[in-house]
Amino acid sequence: MKVGVVTFPGSLDDVDAQRAVRIGGHEAVALWHGDEDLRGVDAVVLPGGFSYGDYLRCGAISRFSPVMTEVVAAAERGMPVLGICNGFQILCESHLLPGALIRNDHRKFNCVDQRLRIENNRTPFTAAYEAGQEVTIVLKNGEGGYIADEETLDRLEGEGRVVARYLGDNPNGSMRAIAGVTNERGNVVGLMPHPEHAVEALCGPGTDGLGFFTSLAEQVLA
């Protein structure tokens, strides 16, 4: 598959995401925040970082980038879209995903190898995992606390739309220890931890994050 990775001013992990896409067996296509088309890609990754410096709210300015008009339209047609960390924040600001991400409850920046449980393996980005599988992936954020009203949280739980959940101590105060969610259709996934930093045995906590990229191939074969 051709997987577009969007770079916004302030993106930090776009190159890492491109590398993870290639290791996962796909062609990485660099997209710029000012692009007005998606260059024929089959899926999109919104990487982590501090888009536009997080000067307003995390992701609040990026949602108005020209490329996001195309990403939103493609997502609504069913294109797989993965938002990692700041990308998750952008997806929430763009209303492709419910809820919001706020400052960590301990008011400190996280940078840890975080244990997660994959709750939903029916998305284009989690099909390579078993439901309930425990993985360890890098978590690094200052505003990673997932919040939503109780009705929305109950709906996410009831519809199986919680993609991943933190294990052990809640690292940022996310409601119900939610680390990632998906939309109703299941093609848009937001994840606060960074799977692109866990795709090679040489560095990081191992290769537990690779499945978020190889899962796309399983979708094609299916």
N, C-alpha and C. Protein backbone atom coordinates (compact mmCIF):
# COMPACT_ATOMS: atom_id res chain seq x y z
N MET A 1 0.82 -1.19 0.00
CA MET A 1 0.00 0.00 0.00
C MET A 1 0.86 1.25 0.00
N LYS A 2 0.32 2.32 -0.54
CA LYS A 2 0.96 3.64 -0.45
C LYS A 2 0.37 4.33 0.78
N VAL A 3 1.24 4.64 1.73
CA VAL A 3 0.79 5.24 2.99
C VAL A 3 1.37 6.63 3.12
N GLY A 4 0.51 7.62 3.14
CA GLY A 4 0.95 9.00 3.28
C GLY A 4 1.23 9.35 4.73
N VAL A 5 2.34 10.03 4.97
CA VAL A 5 2.68 10.52 6.31
C VAL A 5 2.75 12.04 6.22
N VAL A 6 1.88 12.70 6.96
CA VAL A 6 1.77 14.16 6.86
C VAL A 6 2.79 14.83 7.76
N THR A 7 3.48 15.84 7.24
CA THR A 7 4.37 16.68 8.04
C THR A 7 3.71 18.04 8.23
N PHE A 8 3.52 18.42 9.48
CA PHE A 8 3.06 19.76 9.84
C PHE A 8 4.26 20.54 10.37
N PRO A 9 4.22 21.86 10.37
CA PRO A 9 5.28 22.61 11.06
C PRO A 9 5.32 22.21 12.52
N GLY A 10 6.43 21.66 12.97
CA GLY A 10 6.53 21.19 14.35
C GLY A 10 6.41 19.69 14.51
N SER A 11 6.12 18.95 13.42
CA SER A 11 6.10 17.49 13.52
C SER A 11 7.49 16.98 13.88
N LEU A 12 7.54 16.01 14.78
CA LEU A 12 8.82 15.44 15.20
C LEU A 12 9.05 14.03 14.70
N ASP A 13 7.97 13.29 14.55
CA ASP A 13 8.09 11.86 14.32
C ASP A 13 7.66 11.43 12.93
N ASP A 14 7.64 12.37 11.99
CA ASP A 14 7.22 12.03 10.63
C ASP A 14 8.21 11.09 9.96
N VAL A 15 9.50 11.34 10.14
CA VAL A 15 10.52 10.46 9.53
C VAL A 15 10.47 9.07 10.16
N ASP A 16 10.27 9.02 11.47
CA ASP A 16 10.14 7.74 12.16
C ASP A 16 8.93 6.98 11.65
N ALA A 17 7.83 7.70 11.45
CA ALA A 17 6.61 7.06 10.95
C ALA A 17 6.81 6.53 9.54
N GLN A 18 7.51 7.31 8.70
CA GLN A 18 7.79 6.85 7.34
C GLN A 18 8.63 5.57 7.37
N ARG A 19 9.61 5.53 8.26
CA ARG A 19 10.45 4.33 8.36
C ARG A 19 9.62 3.14 8.83
N ALA A 20 8.74 3.35 9.80
CA ALA A 20 7.89 2.27 10.29
C ALA A 20 6.98 1.76 9.19
N VAL A 21 6.47 2.66 8.36
CA VAL A 21 5.63 2.26 7.23
C VAL A 21 6.42 1.35 6.29
N ARG A 22 7.66 1.72 6.00
CA ARG A 22 8.49 0.90 5.09
C ARG A 22 8.83 -0.44 5.72
N ILE A 23 9.18 -0.45 7.00
CA ILE A 23 9.48 -1.71 7.67
C ILE A 23 8.24 -2.59 7.70
N GLY A 24 7.07 -1.97 7.76
CA GLY A 24 5.82 -2.71 7.74
C GLY A 24 5.44 -3.24 6.37
N GLY A 25 6.25 -2.93 5.36
CA GLY A 25 6.05 -3.51 4.04
C GLY A 25 5.33 -2.63 3.04
N HIS A 26 5.25 -1.32 3.33
CA HIS A 26 4.50 -0.42 2.45
C HIS A 26 5.40 0.67 1.88
N GLU A 27 4.86 1.40 0.93
CA GLU A 27 5.55 2.56 0.37
C GLU A 27 5.13 3.80 1.14
N ALA A 28 6.12 4.51 1.70
CA ALA A 28 5.83 5.73 2.45
C ALA A 28 5.84 6.92 1.49
N VAL A 29 4.79 7.73 1.57
CA VAL A 29 4.65 8.92 0.73
C VAL A 29 4.62 10.14 1.64
N ALA A 30 5.58 11.04 1.47
CA ALA A 30 5.63 12.25 2.30
C ALA A 30 4.57 13.24 1.84
N LEU A 31 3.71 13.66 2.75
CA LEU A 31 2.70 14.67 2.47
C LEU A 31 2.99 15.91 3.32
N TRP A 32 2.74 17.07 2.77
CA TRP A 32 3.00 18.35 3.43
C TRP A 32 1.67 18.95 3.88
N HIS A 33 1.69 19.69 4.98
CA HIS A 33 0.45 20.24 5.53
C HIS A 33 -0.27 21.16 4.54
N GLY A 34 0.46 21.73 3.59
CA GLY A 34 -0.15 22.62 2.62
C GLY A 34 -0.64 21.92 1.36
N ASP A 35 -0.45 20.59 1.28
CA ASP A 35 -0.91 19.85 0.10
C ASP A 35 -2.43 19.88 0.00
N GLU A 36 -2.90 19.97 -1.23
CA GLU A 36 -4.35 19.98 -1.45
C GLU A 36 -4.83 18.70 -2.11
N ASP A 37 -3.95 17.70 -2.18
CA ASP A 37 -4.37 16.36 -2.59
C ASP A 37 -3.49 15.35 -1.87
N LEU A 38 -3.93 14.11 -1.85
CA LEU A 38 -3.25 13.06 -1.08
C LEU A 38 -2.36 12.18 -1.95
N ARG A 39 -2.15 12.56 -3.20
CA ARG A 39 -1.19 11.90 -4.08
C ARG A 39 -1.46 10.41 -4.24
N GLY A 40 -2.71 10.04 -4.24
CA GLY A 40 -3.07 8.67 -4.53
C GLY A 40 -2.76 7.66 -3.46
N VAL A 41 -2.62 8.08 -2.21
CA VAL A 41 -2.28 7.14 -1.15
C VAL A 41 -3.50 6.30 -0.77
N ASP A 42 -3.22 5.15 -0.16
CA ASP A 42 -4.28 4.23 0.28
C ASP A 42 -4.61 4.37 1.75
N ALA A 43 -3.73 5.03 2.50
CA ALA A 43 -3.92 5.24 3.93
C ALA A 43 -3.08 6.44 4.34
N VAL A 44 -3.39 6.99 5.52
CA VAL A 44 -2.69 8.19 5.99
C VAL A 44 -2.30 8.00 7.45
N VAL A 45 -1.09 8.48 7.79
CA VAL A 45 -0.64 8.54 9.17
C VAL A 45 -0.39 10.01 9.53
N LEU A 46 -0.99 10.45 10.63
CA LEU A 46 -0.69 11.77 11.20
C LEU A 46 0.27 11.54 12.36
N PRO A 47 1.51 12.00 12.24
CA PRO A 47 2.53 11.64 13.23
C PRO A 47 2.51 12.53 14.47
N GLY A 48 3.37 12.16 15.41
CA GLY A 48 3.48 12.93 16.64
C GLY A 48 4.37 14.14 16.50
N GLY A 49 4.33 14.97 17.53
CA GLY A 49 5.13 16.20 17.55
C GLY A 49 4.35 17.33 18.18
N PHE A 50 4.68 18.53 17.76
CA PHE A 50 4.04 19.73 18.31
C PHE A 50 3.60 20.61 17.14
N SER A 51 2.61 20.14 16.40
CA SER A 51 2.21 20.86 15.19
C SER A 51 1.84 22.30 15.51
N TYR A 52 2.42 23.21 14.72
CA TYR A 52 2.24 24.65 14.92
C TYR A 52 2.60 25.06 16.34
N GLY A 53 3.52 24.32 16.96
CA GLY A 53 4.00 24.67 18.29
C GLY A 53 3.02 24.45 19.41
N ASP A 54 1.86 23.85 19.12
CA ASP A 54 0.82 23.68 20.14
C ASP A 54 0.47 25.02 20.78
N TYR A 55 0.56 26.10 20.00
CA TYR A 55 0.41 27.43 20.59
C TYR A 55 -1.03 27.77 20.97
N LEU A 56 -2.00 27.14 20.35
CA LEU A 56 -3.39 27.39 20.71
C LEU A 56 -3.85 26.24 21.60
N ARG A 57 -4.17 25.11 20.99
CA ARG A 57 -4.41 23.83 21.65
C ARG A 57 -3.77 22.80 20.77
N CYS A 58 -3.36 21.71 21.36
CA CYS A 58 -2.69 20.67 20.56
C CYS A 58 -3.60 20.23 19.41
N GLY A 59 -3.14 20.43 18.19
CA GLY A 59 -3.89 20.00 17.02
C GLY A 59 -4.94 20.98 16.54
N ALA A 60 -5.19 22.04 17.30
CA ALA A 60 -6.30 22.95 16.97
C ALA A 60 -6.04 23.76 15.71
N ILE A 61 -4.78 24.06 15.42
CA ILE A 61 -4.46 24.81 14.21
C ILE A 61 -4.33 23.85 13.03
N SER A 62 -3.73 22.69 13.27
CA SER A 62 -3.51 21.73 12.19
C SER A 62 -4.80 21.30 11.51
N ARG A 63 -5.88 21.27 12.25
CA ARG A 63 -7.14 20.80 11.66
C ARG A 63 -7.57 21.68 10.49
N PHE A 64 -7.03 22.92 10.43
CA PHE A 64 -7.39 23.84 9.34
C PHE A 64 -6.39 23.81 8.19
N SER A 65 -5.36 22.95 8.27
CA SER A 65 -4.40 22.83 7.18
C SER A 65 -5.11 22.30 5.93
N PRO A 66 -4.69 22.75 4.74
CA PRO A 66 -5.31 22.26 3.51
C PRO A 66 -5.34 20.74 3.41
N VAL A 67 -4.26 20.08 3.84
CA VAL A 67 -4.23 18.62 3.71
C VAL A 67 -5.31 17.96 4.55
N MET A 68 -5.69 18.58 5.67
CA MET A 68 -6.69 17.96 6.53
C MET A 68 -8.08 17.98 5.90
N THR A 69 -8.35 18.94 5.02
CA THR A 69 -9.61 18.91 4.28
C THR A 69 -9.71 17.62 3.48
N GLU A 70 -8.58 17.24 2.86
CA GLU A 70 -8.54 16.02 2.07
C GLU A 70 -8.55 14.77 2.95
N VAL A 71 -7.85 14.82 4.08
CA VAL A 71 -7.82 13.67 4.98
C VAL A 71 -9.21 13.40 5.55
N VAL A 72 -9.90 14.45 5.96
CA VAL A 72 -11.25 14.28 6.51
C VAL A 72 -12.18 13.67 5.47
N ALA A 73 -12.12 14.21 4.25
CA ALA A 73 -12.99 13.69 3.18
C ALA A 73 -12.66 12.23 2.88
N ALA A 74 -11.37 11.89 2.84
CA ALA A 74 -10.97 10.51 2.55
C ALA A 74 -11.39 9.58 3.68
N ALA A 75 -11.23 10.03 4.91
CA ALA A 75 -11.64 9.21 6.06
C ALA A 75 -13.13 8.94 6.03
N GLU A 76 -13.91 9.94 5.66
CA GLU A 76 -15.35 9.76 5.60
C GLU A 76 -15.75 8.81 4.48
N ARG A 77 -14.86 8.63 3.49
CA ARG A 77 -15.11 7.65 2.43
C ARG A 77 -14.62 6.26 2.82
N GLY A 78 -13.91 6.15 3.95
CA GLY A 78 -13.46 4.85 4.42
C GLY A 78 -11.97 4.62 4.39
N MET A 79 -11.16 5.61 3.99
CA MET A 79 -9.71 5.43 3.97
C MET A 79 -9.19 5.22 5.39
N PRO A 80 -8.27 4.27 5.61
CA PRO A 80 -7.66 4.09 6.92
C PRO A 80 -6.79 5.31 7.29
N VAL A 81 -6.99 5.83 8.49
CA VAL A 81 -6.22 6.96 8.99
C VAL A 81 -5.79 6.66 10.41
N LEU A 82 -4.50 6.79 10.68
CA LEU A 82 -3.94 6.59 12.01
C LEU A 82 -3.34 7.89 12.51
N GLY A 83 -3.79 8.34 13.66
CA GLY A 83 -3.22 9.52 14.30
C GLY A 83 -2.46 9.10 15.55
N ILE A 84 -1.17 9.42 15.60
CA ILE A 84 -0.31 9.03 16.71
C ILE A 84 0.01 10.27 17.55
N CYS A 85 -0.30 10.23 18.83
CA CYS A 85 0.01 11.31 19.77
C CYS A 85 -0.57 12.64 19.28
N ASN A 86 0.24 13.55 18.78
CA ASN A 86 -0.29 14.80 18.24
C ASN A 86 -1.28 14.53 17.12
N GLY A 87 -1.05 13.46 16.36
CA GLY A 87 -2.00 13.08 15.32
C GLY A 87 -3.35 12.69 15.91
N PHE A 88 -3.36 12.03 17.06
CA PHE A 88 -4.59 11.70 17.78
C PHE A 88 -5.31 12.99 18.16
N GLN A 89 -4.55 13.95 18.67
CA GLN A 89 -5.13 15.24 19.04
C GLN A 89 -5.75 15.94 17.83
N ILE A 90 -5.08 15.86 16.69
CA ILE A 90 -5.60 16.47 15.46
C ILE A 90 -6.90 15.79 15.03
N LEU A 91 -6.96 14.47 15.14
CA LEU A 91 -8.17 13.75 14.76
C LEU A 91 -9.35 14.14 15.64
N CYS A 92 -9.09 14.36 16.93
CA CYS A 92 -10.16 14.81 17.82
C CYS A 92 -10.58 16.24 17.49
N GLU A 93 -9.61 17.10 17.23
CA GLU A 93 -9.93 18.48 16.86
C GLU A 93 -10.69 18.55 15.55
N SER A 94 -10.43 17.59 14.66
CA SER A 94 -11.10 17.55 13.36
C SER A 94 -12.45 16.85 13.44
N HIS A 95 -12.81 16.36 14.61
CA HIS A 95 -14.09 15.67 14.85
C HIS A 95 -14.21 14.35 14.10
N LEU A 96 -13.06 13.78 13.73
CA LEU A 96 -13.08 12.43 13.18
C LEU A 96 -13.15 11.41 14.31
N LEU A 97 -12.73 11.82 15.50
CA LEU A 97 -12.82 10.98 16.69
C LEU A 97 -13.45 11.77 17.82
N PRO A 98 -14.17 11.11 18.71
CA PRO A 98 -14.80 11.82 19.82
C PRO A 98 -13.80 12.10 20.94
N GLY A 99 -14.17 13.01 21.83
CA GLY A 99 -13.34 13.29 22.99
C GLY A 99 -12.25 14.31 22.70
N ALA A 100 -11.34 14.44 23.67
CA ALA A 100 -10.25 15.40 23.56
C ALA A 100 -9.08 14.92 24.41
N LEU A 101 -7.91 15.50 24.18
CA LEU A 101 -6.72 15.19 24.95
C LEU A 101 -6.29 16.43 25.72
N ILE A 102 -6.08 16.28 27.01
CA ILE A 102 -5.72 17.42 27.85
C ILE A 102 -4.41 17.16 28.58
N ARG A 103 -3.94 18.17 29.32
CA ARG A 103 -2.68 18.10 30.05
C ARG A 103 -2.66 16.89 30.99
N ASN A 104 -1.54 16.20 31.04
CA ASN A 104 -1.38 15.07 31.95
C ASN A 104 -1.75 15.49 33.38
N ASP A 105 -2.41 14.62 34.10
CA ASP A 105 -2.91 15.00 35.42
C ASP A 105 -1.79 15.32 36.41
N HIS A 106 -0.58 14.78 36.18
CA HIS A 106 0.54 15.07 37.07
C HIS A 106 1.35 16.26 36.59
N ARG A 107 0.93 16.87 35.46
CA ARG A 107 1.53 18.11 34.93
C ARG A 107 3.00 17.94 34.54
N LYS A 108 3.38 16.72 34.22
CA LYS A 108 4.74 16.47 33.77
C LYS A 108 4.71 15.76 32.43
N PHE A 109 5.80 15.86 31.69
CA PHE A 109 5.93 15.18 30.40
C PHE A 109 6.29 13.73 30.64
N ASN A 110 5.58 12.83 29.96
CA ASN A 110 5.86 11.39 30.05
C ASN A 110 6.86 10.96 29.00
N CYS A 111 7.76 10.07 29.35
CA CYS A 111 8.60 9.38 28.37
C CYS A 111 8.97 8.03 28.96
N VAL A 112 8.14 7.03 28.66
CA VAL A 112 8.30 5.72 29.28
C VAL A 112 7.97 4.62 28.26
N ASP A 113 8.43 3.42 28.55
CA ASP A 113 7.98 2.24 27.81
C ASP A 113 6.69 1.77 28.49
N GLN A 114 5.59 1.91 27.79
CA GLN A 114 4.27 1.73 28.39
C GLN A 114 3.62 0.41 27.99
N ARG A 115 3.12 -0.32 28.97
CA ARG A 115 2.36 -1.54 28.70
C ARG A 115 0.93 -1.17 28.31
N LEU A 116 0.44 -1.85 27.28
CA LEU A 116 -0.91 -1.63 26.78
C LEU A 116 -1.60 -2.97 26.58
N ARG A 117 -2.92 -2.93 26.53
CA ARG A 117 -3.69 -4.08 26.10
C ARG A 117 -4.47 -3.68 24.86
N ILE A 118 -4.34 -4.47 23.80
CA ILE A 118 -5.09 -4.24 22.57
C ILE A 118 -6.52 -4.73 22.80
N GLU A 119 -7.45 -3.81 22.84
CA GLU A 119 -8.85 -4.15 23.13
C GLU A 119 -9.63 -4.49 21.86
N ASN A 120 -9.27 -3.85 20.76
CA ASN A 120 -10.01 -4.01 19.50
C ASN A 120 -9.02 -4.34 18.40
N ASN A 121 -9.11 -5.54 17.85
CA ASN A 121 -8.21 -5.94 16.76
C ASN A 121 -8.96 -6.01 15.43
N ARG A 122 -10.03 -5.24 15.32
CA ARG A 122 -10.83 -5.26 14.09
C ARG A 122 -10.67 -3.98 13.28
N THR A 123 -9.62 -3.22 13.55
CA THR A 123 -9.36 -2.01 12.76
C THR A 123 -8.25 -2.30 11.75
N PRO A 124 -8.08 -1.43 10.75
CA PRO A 124 -7.01 -1.63 9.77
C PRO A 124 -5.61 -1.55 10.37
N PHE A 125 -5.51 -1.03 11.60
CA PHE A 125 -4.20 -0.86 12.22
C PHE A 125 -3.94 -1.83 13.38
N THR A 126 -4.91 -2.67 13.70
CA THR A 126 -4.72 -3.60 14.82
C THR A 126 -5.00 -5.06 14.47
N ALA A 127 -5.24 -5.33 13.20
CA ALA A 127 -5.62 -6.68 12.78
C ALA A 127 -4.51 -7.71 13.02
N ALA A 128 -3.27 -7.26 13.15
CA ALA A 128 -2.15 -8.18 13.36
C ALA A 128 -2.05 -8.65 14.80
N TYR A 129 -2.85 -8.07 15.69
CA TYR A 129 -2.81 -8.44 17.10
C TYR A 129 -3.98 -9.34 17.46
N GLU A 130 -3.83 -10.03 18.57
CA GLU A 130 -4.94 -10.78 19.15
C GLU A 130 -5.71 -9.84 20.08
N ALA A 131 -7.02 -10.00 20.13
CA ALA A 131 -7.79 -9.23 21.09
C ALA A 131 -7.32 -9.58 22.50
N GLY A 132 -7.02 -8.57 23.29
CA GLY A 132 -6.52 -8.79 24.64
C GLY A 132 -5.01 -8.92 24.73
N GLN A 133 -4.32 -8.87 23.58
CA GLN A 133 -2.86 -9.01 23.59
C GLN A 133 -2.22 -7.85 24.33
N GLU A 134 -1.21 -8.14 25.14
CA GLU A 134 -0.47 -7.11 25.86
C GLU A 134 0.82 -6.79 25.11
N VAL A 135 1.08 -5.49 24.95
CA VAL A 135 2.26 -5.04 24.22
C VAL A 135 2.92 -3.92 25.01
N THR A 136 4.16 -3.62 24.66
CA THR A 136 4.89 -2.51 25.26
C THR A 136 5.34 -1.57 24.16
N ILE A 137 4.92 -0.31 24.27
CA ILE A 137 5.17 0.70 23.25
C ILE A 137 5.59 2.00 23.94
N VAL A 138 6.42 2.76 23.28
CA VAL A 138 6.88 4.04 23.83
C VAL A 138 5.71 5.01 24.00
N LEU A 139 5.68 5.68 25.15
CA LEU A 139 4.71 6.74 25.40
C LEU A 139 5.48 8.00 25.74
N LYS A 140 5.21 9.09 25.03
CA LYS A 140 5.87 10.37 25.32
C LYS A 140 4.89 11.49 25.01
N ASN A 141 4.41 12.14 26.06
CA ASN A 141 3.44 13.21 25.85
C ASN A 141 3.35 14.10 27.08
N GLY A 142 2.89 15.30 26.85
CA GLY A 142 2.60 16.23 27.94
C GLY A 142 1.11 16.46 28.08
N GLU A 143 0.38 16.25 26.97
CA GLU A 143 -1.06 16.45 26.99
C GLU A 143 -1.72 15.21 26.39
N GLY A 144 -1.66 14.13 27.17
CA GLY A 144 -2.13 12.84 26.69
C GLY A 144 -3.33 12.30 27.43
N GLY A 145 -3.92 13.10 28.31
CA GLY A 145 -5.06 12.63 29.07
C GLY A 145 -6.34 12.62 28.24
N TYR A 146 -6.86 11.44 27.95
CA TYR A 146 -8.08 11.35 27.13
C TYR A 146 -9.31 11.61 28.00
N ILE A 147 -10.18 12.51 27.52
CA ILE A 147 -11.41 12.82 28.23
C ILE A 147 -12.59 12.81 27.28
N ALA A 148 -13.74 12.51 27.82
CA ALA A 148 -15.02 12.59 27.10
C ALA A 148 -16.11 12.53 28.17
N ASP A 149 -17.32 12.92 27.80
CA ASP A 149 -18.41 12.82 28.77
C ASP A 149 -18.77 11.36 28.99
N GLU A 150 -19.47 11.09 30.08
CA GLU A 150 -19.77 9.72 30.45
C GLU A 150 -20.59 9.00 29.38
N GLU A 151 -21.49 9.70 28.74
CA GLU A 151 -22.29 9.08 27.68
C GLU A 151 -21.41 8.61 26.54
N THR A 152 -20.45 9.46 26.14
CA THR A 152 -19.54 9.08 25.06
C THR A 152 -18.65 7.92 25.48
N LEU A 153 -18.15 7.96 26.69
CA LEU A 153 -17.31 6.87 27.18
C LEU A 153 -18.08 5.55 27.21
N ASP A 154 -19.31 5.60 27.68
CA ASP A 154 -20.12 4.38 27.72
C ASP A 154 -20.37 3.85 26.31
N ARG A 155 -20.59 4.76 25.36
CA ARG A 155 -20.82 4.33 23.98
C ARG A 155 -19.56 3.70 23.39
N LEU A 156 -18.41 4.31 23.64
CA LEU A 156 -17.15 3.74 23.15
C LEU A 156 -16.93 2.34 23.71
N GLU A 157 -17.19 2.19 25.00
CA GLU A 157 -17.03 0.88 25.63
C GLU A 157 -18.03 -0.12 25.06
N GLY A 158 -19.28 0.30 24.97
CA GLY A 158 -20.34 -0.61 24.53
C GLY A 158 -20.19 -1.04 23.09
N GLU A 159 -19.64 -0.15 22.25
CA GLU A 159 -19.48 -0.46 20.83
C GLU A 159 -18.12 -1.06 20.52
N GLY A 160 -17.31 -1.30 21.54
CA GLY A 160 -15.99 -1.89 21.31
C GLY A 160 -15.03 -0.97 20.59
N ARG A 161 -15.16 0.32 20.81
CA ARG A 161 -14.34 1.29 20.07
C ARG A 161 -13.11 1.77 20.84
N VAL A 162 -12.91 1.22 22.03
CA VAL A 162 -11.62 1.46 22.72
C VAL A 162 -10.60 0.52 22.08
N VAL A 163 -9.61 1.08 21.43
CA VAL A 163 -8.62 0.29 20.69
C VAL A 163 -7.53 -0.26 21.60
N ALA A 164 -7.08 0.57 22.53
CA ALA A 164 -6.00 0.16 23.43
C ALA A 164 -6.20 0.83 24.79
N ARG A 165 -5.74 0.11 25.83
CA ARG A 165 -5.90 0.62 27.19
C ARG A 165 -4.58 0.48 27.94
N TYR A 166 -4.28 1.48 28.78
CA TYR A 166 -3.07 1.43 29.58
C TYR A 166 -3.16 0.35 30.65
N LEU A 167 -2.06 -0.34 30.88
CA LEU A 167 -1.96 -1.33 31.95
C LEU A 167 -1.01 -0.81 33.02
N GLY A 168 -1.24 -1.22 34.25
CA GLY A 168 -0.43 -0.70 35.34
C GLY A 168 -0.93 0.67 35.74
N ASP A 169 -0.04 1.52 36.23
CA ASP A 169 -0.43 2.86 36.62
C ASP A 169 -0.88 3.66 35.40
N ASN A 170 -1.97 4.40 35.56
CA ASN A 170 -2.44 5.28 34.49
C ASN A 170 -1.41 6.40 34.31
N PRO A 171 -0.76 6.49 33.15
CA PRO A 171 0.39 7.39 33.02
C PRO A 171 0.04 8.86 32.84
N ASN A 172 -1.22 9.17 32.49
CA ASN A 172 -1.54 10.58 32.22
C ASN A 172 -2.94 10.99 32.68
N GLY A 173 -3.62 10.12 33.38
CA GLY A 173 -4.94 10.45 33.88
C GLY A 173 -6.05 10.25 32.88
N SER A 174 -5.80 9.52 31.81
CA SER A 174 -6.84 9.27 30.82
C SER A 174 -8.04 8.58 31.46
N MET A 175 -9.22 9.05 31.11
CA MET A 175 -10.43 8.43 31.63
C MET A 175 -10.49 6.97 31.21
N ARG A 176 -10.80 6.10 32.16
CA ARG A 176 -10.91 4.65 31.95
C ARG A 176 -9.63 4.06 31.35
N ALA A 177 -8.51 4.75 31.59
CA ALA A 177 -7.19 4.30 31.11
C ALA A 177 -7.16 4.09 29.60
N ILE A 178 -7.91 4.90 28.88
CA ILE A 178 -7.98 4.76 27.42
C ILE A 178 -6.74 5.32 26.76
N ALA A 179 -6.09 4.49 25.94
CA ALA A 179 -4.89 4.90 25.21
C ALA A 179 -5.17 5.16 23.73
N GLY A 180 -6.29 4.64 23.22
CA GLY A 180 -6.62 4.83 21.81
C GLY A 180 -8.06 4.46 21.55
N VAL A 181 -8.65 5.12 20.55
CA VAL A 181 -10.05 4.85 20.19
C VAL A 181 -10.18 4.83 18.67
N THR A 182 -11.32 4.36 18.22
CA THR A 182 -11.62 4.36 16.79
C THR A 182 -12.99 4.98 16.55
N ASN A 183 -13.26 5.32 15.31
CA ASN A 183 -14.56 5.90 14.95
C ASN A 183 -15.58 4.77 14.77
N GLU A 184 -16.82 5.15 14.49
CA GLU A 184 -17.88 4.13 14.36
C GLU A 184 -17.58 3.15 13.24
N ARG A 185 -17.04 3.65 12.14
CA ARG A 185 -16.77 2.79 10.98
C ARG A 185 -15.56 1.90 11.22
N GLY A 186 -14.66 2.32 12.10
CA GLY A 186 -13.49 1.52 12.42
C GLY A 186 -12.27 1.79 11.57
N ASN A 187 -12.34 2.77 10.66
CA ASN A 187 -11.21 3.03 9.78
C ASN A 187 -10.28 4.13 10.29
N VAL A 188 -10.73 4.89 11.28
CA VAL A 188 -9.91 5.98 11.84
C VAL A 188 -9.52 5.59 13.26
N VAL A 189 -8.22 5.61 13.55
CA VAL A 189 -7.71 5.22 14.86
C VAL A 189 -6.82 6.32 15.40
N GLY A 190 -7.05 6.67 16.65
CA GLY A 190 -6.16 7.59 17.36
C GLY A 190 -5.48 6.85 18.49
N LEU A 191 -4.18 7.02 18.63
CA LEU A 191 -3.39 6.30 19.64
C LEU A 191 -2.40 7.26 20.26
N MET A 192 -2.40 7.38 21.58
CA MET A 192 -1.45 8.28 22.23
C MET A 192 -0.03 7.72 22.26
N PRO A 193 0.21 6.45 22.58
CA PRO A 193 1.59 5.92 22.49
C PRO A 193 2.09 5.87 21.05
N HIS A 194 3.39 5.64 20.91
CA HIS A 194 4.08 5.74 19.62
C HIS A 194 4.53 4.37 19.11
N PRO A 195 3.73 3.68 18.31
CA PRO A 195 4.16 2.38 17.79
C PRO A 195 5.34 2.47 16.84
N GLU A 196 5.53 3.64 16.20
CA GLU A 196 6.65 3.77 15.26
C GLU A 196 8.01 3.71 15.94
N HIS A 197 8.03 3.87 17.27
CA HIS A 197 9.27 3.76 18.03
C HIS A 197 9.48 2.36 18.59
N ALA A 198 8.66 1.43 18.15
CA ALA A 198 8.81 0.05 18.63
C ALA A 198 8.62 -0.91 17.46
N VAL A 199 9.46 -0.74 16.43
CA VAL A 199 9.36 -1.57 15.24
C VAL A 199 10.65 -2.32 14.93
N GLU A 200 11.72 -2.07 15.68
CA GLU A 200 13.00 -2.72 15.45
C GLU A 200 13.58 -3.19 16.78
N ALA A 201 14.15 -4.38 16.78
CA ALA A 201 14.73 -4.93 18.01
C ALA A 201 15.95 -4.15 18.46
N LEU A 202 16.61 -3.47 17.54
CA LEU A 202 17.85 -2.77 17.86
C LEU A 202 17.64 -1.62 18.83
N CYS A 203 16.50 -0.95 18.75
CA CYS A 203 16.26 0.21 19.59
C CYS A 203 14.82 0.22 20.08
N GLY A 204 14.57 0.95 21.13
CA GLY A 204 13.23 0.98 21.70
C GLY A 204 12.96 -0.26 22.53
N PRO A 205 11.69 -0.44 22.94
CA PRO A 205 11.35 -1.57 23.80
C PRO A 205 11.12 -2.89 23.06
N GLY A 206 11.42 -2.93 21.77
CA GLY A 206 11.20 -4.15 20.99
C GLY A 206 10.40 -3.86 19.74
N THR A 207 9.65 -4.82 19.27
CA THR A 207 8.93 -4.68 18.00
C THR A 207 7.41 -4.76 18.17
N ASP A 208 6.93 -4.52 19.38
CA ASP A 208 5.49 -4.65 19.62
C ASP A 208 4.65 -3.66 18.83
N GLY A 209 5.25 -2.57 18.38
CA GLY A 209 4.48 -1.58 17.64
C GLY A 209 4.34 -1.87 16.16
N LEU A 210 5.09 -2.84 15.67
CA LEU A 210 5.12 -3.10 14.23
C LEU A 210 3.75 -3.51 13.69
N GLY A 211 2.96 -4.17 14.50
CA GLY A 211 1.65 -4.63 14.05
C GLY A 211 0.73 -3.51 13.60
N PHE A 212 0.93 -2.31 14.11
CA PHE A 212 0.10 -1.19 13.67
C PHE A 212 0.35 -0.85 12.21
N PHE A 213 1.47 -1.30 11.67
CA PHE A 213 1.80 -1.02 10.27
C PHE A 213 1.62 -2.26 9.39
N THR A 214 1.95 -3.43 9.90
CA THR A 214 1.74 -4.64 9.11
C THR A 214 0.26 -4.99 9.01
N SER A 215 -0.55 -4.51 9.93
CA SER A 215 -1.99 -4.79 9.88
C SER A 215 -2.61 -4.32 8.59
N LEU A 216 -2.10 -3.26 8.00
CA LEU A 216 -2.65 -2.76 6.74
C LEU A 216 -2.54 -3.81 5.65
N ALA A 217 -1.44 -4.55 5.63
CA ALA A 217 -1.29 -5.61 4.62
C ALA A 217 -2.32 -6.70 4.83
N GLU A 218 -2.61 -7.02 6.08
CA GLU A 218 -3.62 -8.05 6.37
C GLU A 218 -4.99 -7.61 5.87
N GLN A 219 -5.26 -6.31 5.95
CA GLN A 219 -6.53 -5.80 5.45
C GLN A 219 -6.65 -6.00 3.94
N VAL A 220 -5.53 -5.75 3.23
CA VAL A 220 -5.53 -5.92 1.78
C VAL A 220 -5.75 -7.39 1.41
N LEU A 221 -5.04 -8.28 2.12
CA LEU A 221 -5.17 -9.71 1.83
C LEU A 221 -6.57 -10.23 2.14
N ALA A 222 -7.20 -9.61 3.15
CA ALA A 222 -8.56 -10.03 3.52
C ALA A 222 -9.55 -9.63 2.44
